[in-house]
Amino acid sequence: NDGYSDYQRHDDDGQSPDRPGGWVMEDNHTANIMNMEPFEDKWRAFGWDTKQIEGHDFEAITAALQEARDDDGKPTAIICETTKGKGVSFMENNPDFHGKAPNDEQLAQALQELGFKE
């Protein structure tokens, strides 16, 4: 979506992008490759409202979605601060897992670290 959503009053449009500076690509963080800051300003320039939240907090996600639904008629971008591989010791912020699946042993360890039982 773009400024067209604001022009057409598409208040039911929404996006929930991750903040690009935190992304881990194949060999680096995106902020070091293609800095997108100030991220919120880019969305606002096209007429979007923005909300910044902790993207791993389900209560914050639910509240932001409800607030966006009740908002002022503009489309809303909910900017999610996230960590790639969060909660898995060997995956968190590890570029080796960008586009790569864990092997069976790694999967078992990841599920255990995330609190899933076999």
Protein backbone atom coordinates (compact mmCIF):
# COMPACT_ATOMS: atom_id res chain seq x y z
CA ASN A 1 0.00 0.00 0.00
CA ASP A 2 1.05 3.60 -0.41
CA GLY A 3 -0.39 7.11 -0.25
CA TYR A 4 -3.31 5.80 -2.28
CA SER A 5 -4.66 4.12 0.86
CA ASP A 6 -4.81 7.45 2.66
CA TYR A 7 -6.28 9.22 -0.38
CA GLN A 8 -9.00 6.58 -0.71
CA ARG A 9 -9.59 6.56 3.09
CA HIS A 10 -8.67 2.90 3.44
CA ASP A 11 -8.68 2.94 7.22
CA ASP A 12 -9.01 -0.83 7.28
CA ASP A 13 -5.61 -1.25 5.60
CA GLY A 14 -2.72 -2.18 7.83
CA GLN A 15 0.84 -3.43 7.85
CA SER A 16 3.02 -4.85 10.61
CA PRO A 17 6.60 -4.55 9.40
CA ASP A 18 9.65 -5.39 11.47
CA ARG A 19 12.05 -2.53 12.01
CA PRO A 20 14.69 -3.21 9.36
CA GLY A 21 17.69 -2.27 11.49
CA GLY A 22 17.17 -5.36 13.59
CA TRP A 23 16.94 -7.82 10.75
CA VAL A 24 19.77 -10.25 10.29
CA MET A 25 20.54 -10.98 6.68
CA GLU A 26 22.93 -13.61 5.35
CA ASP A 27 26.04 -11.90 6.68
CA ASN A 28 25.06 -8.69 8.48
CA HIS A 29 22.28 -6.55 9.96
CA THR A 30 20.22 -4.61 7.43
CA ALA A 31 21.04 -1.32 9.18
CA ASN A 32 24.64 -1.87 8.10
CA ILE A 33 23.64 -2.72 4.52
CA MET A 34 20.63 -0.51 3.75
CA ASN A 35 19.66 1.82 6.58
CA MET A 36 15.91 2.56 6.49
CA GLU A 37 15.81 5.05 9.38
CA PRO A 38 13.84 7.04 10.24
CA PHE A 39 11.46 4.16 9.52
CA GLU A 40 8.27 5.60 11.05
CA ASP A 41 8.72 8.88 9.15
CA LYS A 42 8.70 7.00 5.85
CA TRP A 43 5.29 5.50 6.65
CA ARG A 44 3.92 8.83 7.93
CA ALA A 45 5.05 10.56 4.72
CA PHE A 46 2.48 8.45 2.86
CA GLY A 47 -0.30 9.33 5.31
CA TRP A 48 -0.11 6.27 7.55
CA ASP A 49 -0.44 6.31 11.34
CA THR A 50 2.35 4.37 13.04
CA LYS A 51 2.59 2.46 16.29
CA GLN A 52 5.82 0.96 17.58
CA ILE A 53 5.62 -2.21 19.71
CA GLU A 54 7.67 -5.10 21.06
CA GLY A 55 6.95 -7.66 18.34
CA HIS A 56 7.33 -10.66 20.66
CA ASP A 57 4.71 -9.39 23.15
CA PHE A 58 1.35 -10.89 22.22
CA GLU A 59 -0.56 -8.52 24.52
CA ALA A 60 1.12 -5.52 22.86
CA ILE A 61 0.29 -6.94 19.42
CA THR A 62 -3.36 -7.47 20.36
CA ALA A 63 -3.64 -3.97 21.87
CA ALA A 64 -2.00 -2.34 18.84
CA LEU A 65 -4.32 -4.16 16.44
CA GLN A 66 -7.38 -3.10 18.45
CA GLU A 67 -6.13 0.50 18.66
CA ALA A 68 -5.48 0.53 14.90
CA ARG A 69 -8.99 -0.76 14.27
CA ASP A 70 -10.48 2.03 16.41
CA ASP A 71 -8.25 4.74 14.91
CA ASP A 72 -8.99 7.91 12.99
CA GLY A 73 -9.62 6.67 9.47
CA LYS A 74 -6.00 6.38 8.35
CA PRO A 75 -4.25 3.12 7.52
CA THR A 76 -1.89 1.98 10.28
CA ALA A 77 1.61 0.52 10.22
CA ILE A 78 2.44 -1.32 13.45
CA ILE A 79 6.24 -1.29 13.63
CA CYS A 80 7.38 -4.48 15.37
CA GLU A 81 10.71 -4.56 17.21
CA THR A 82 11.74 -8.21 16.89
CA THR A 83 14.81 -10.42 17.24
CA LYS A 84 15.41 -13.09 14.62
CA GLY A 85 15.56 -16.50 16.29
CA LYS A 86 14.50 -15.08 19.68
CA GLY A 87 14.62 -17.60 22.49
CA VAL A 88 16.87 -20.12 20.76
CA SER A 89 20.45 -19.76 21.98
CA PHE A 90 22.22 -20.78 18.78
CA MET A 91 19.79 -19.03 16.40
CA GLU A 92 19.22 -15.65 18.05
CA ASN A 93 20.68 -12.93 15.78
CA ASN A 94 22.71 -15.60 13.98
CA PRO A 95 22.99 -14.87 10.24
CA ASP A 96 23.76 -18.57 9.61
CA PHE A 97 20.03 -19.23 9.97
CA HIS A 98 18.87 -16.66 7.41
CA GLY A 99 16.98 -18.84 4.95
CA LYS A 100 18.34 -22.07 6.43
CA ALA A 101 16.38 -24.70 8.32
CA PRO A 102 17.83 -26.35 11.41
CA ASN A 103 18.88 -29.99 11.20
CA ASP A 104 17.05 -32.58 13.31
CA GLU A 105 19.34 -32.16 16.33
CA GLN A 106 19.11 -28.36 16.19
CA LEU A 107 15.34 -28.53 15.81
CA ALA A 108 15.03 -30.72 18.92
CA GLN A 109 17.21 -28.28 20.89
CA ALA A 110 15.27 -25.26 19.62
CA LEU A 111 11.91 -26.78 20.56
CA GLN A 112 13.25 -27.63 24.02
CA GLU A 113 14.58 -24.09 24.55
CA LEU A 114 11.21 -22.67 23.48
CA GLY A 115 9.43 -24.84 26.04
CA PHE A 116 7.80 -27.38 23.75
CA LYS A 117 7.62 -30.92 25.05
CA GLU A 118 8.24 -33.96 22.89
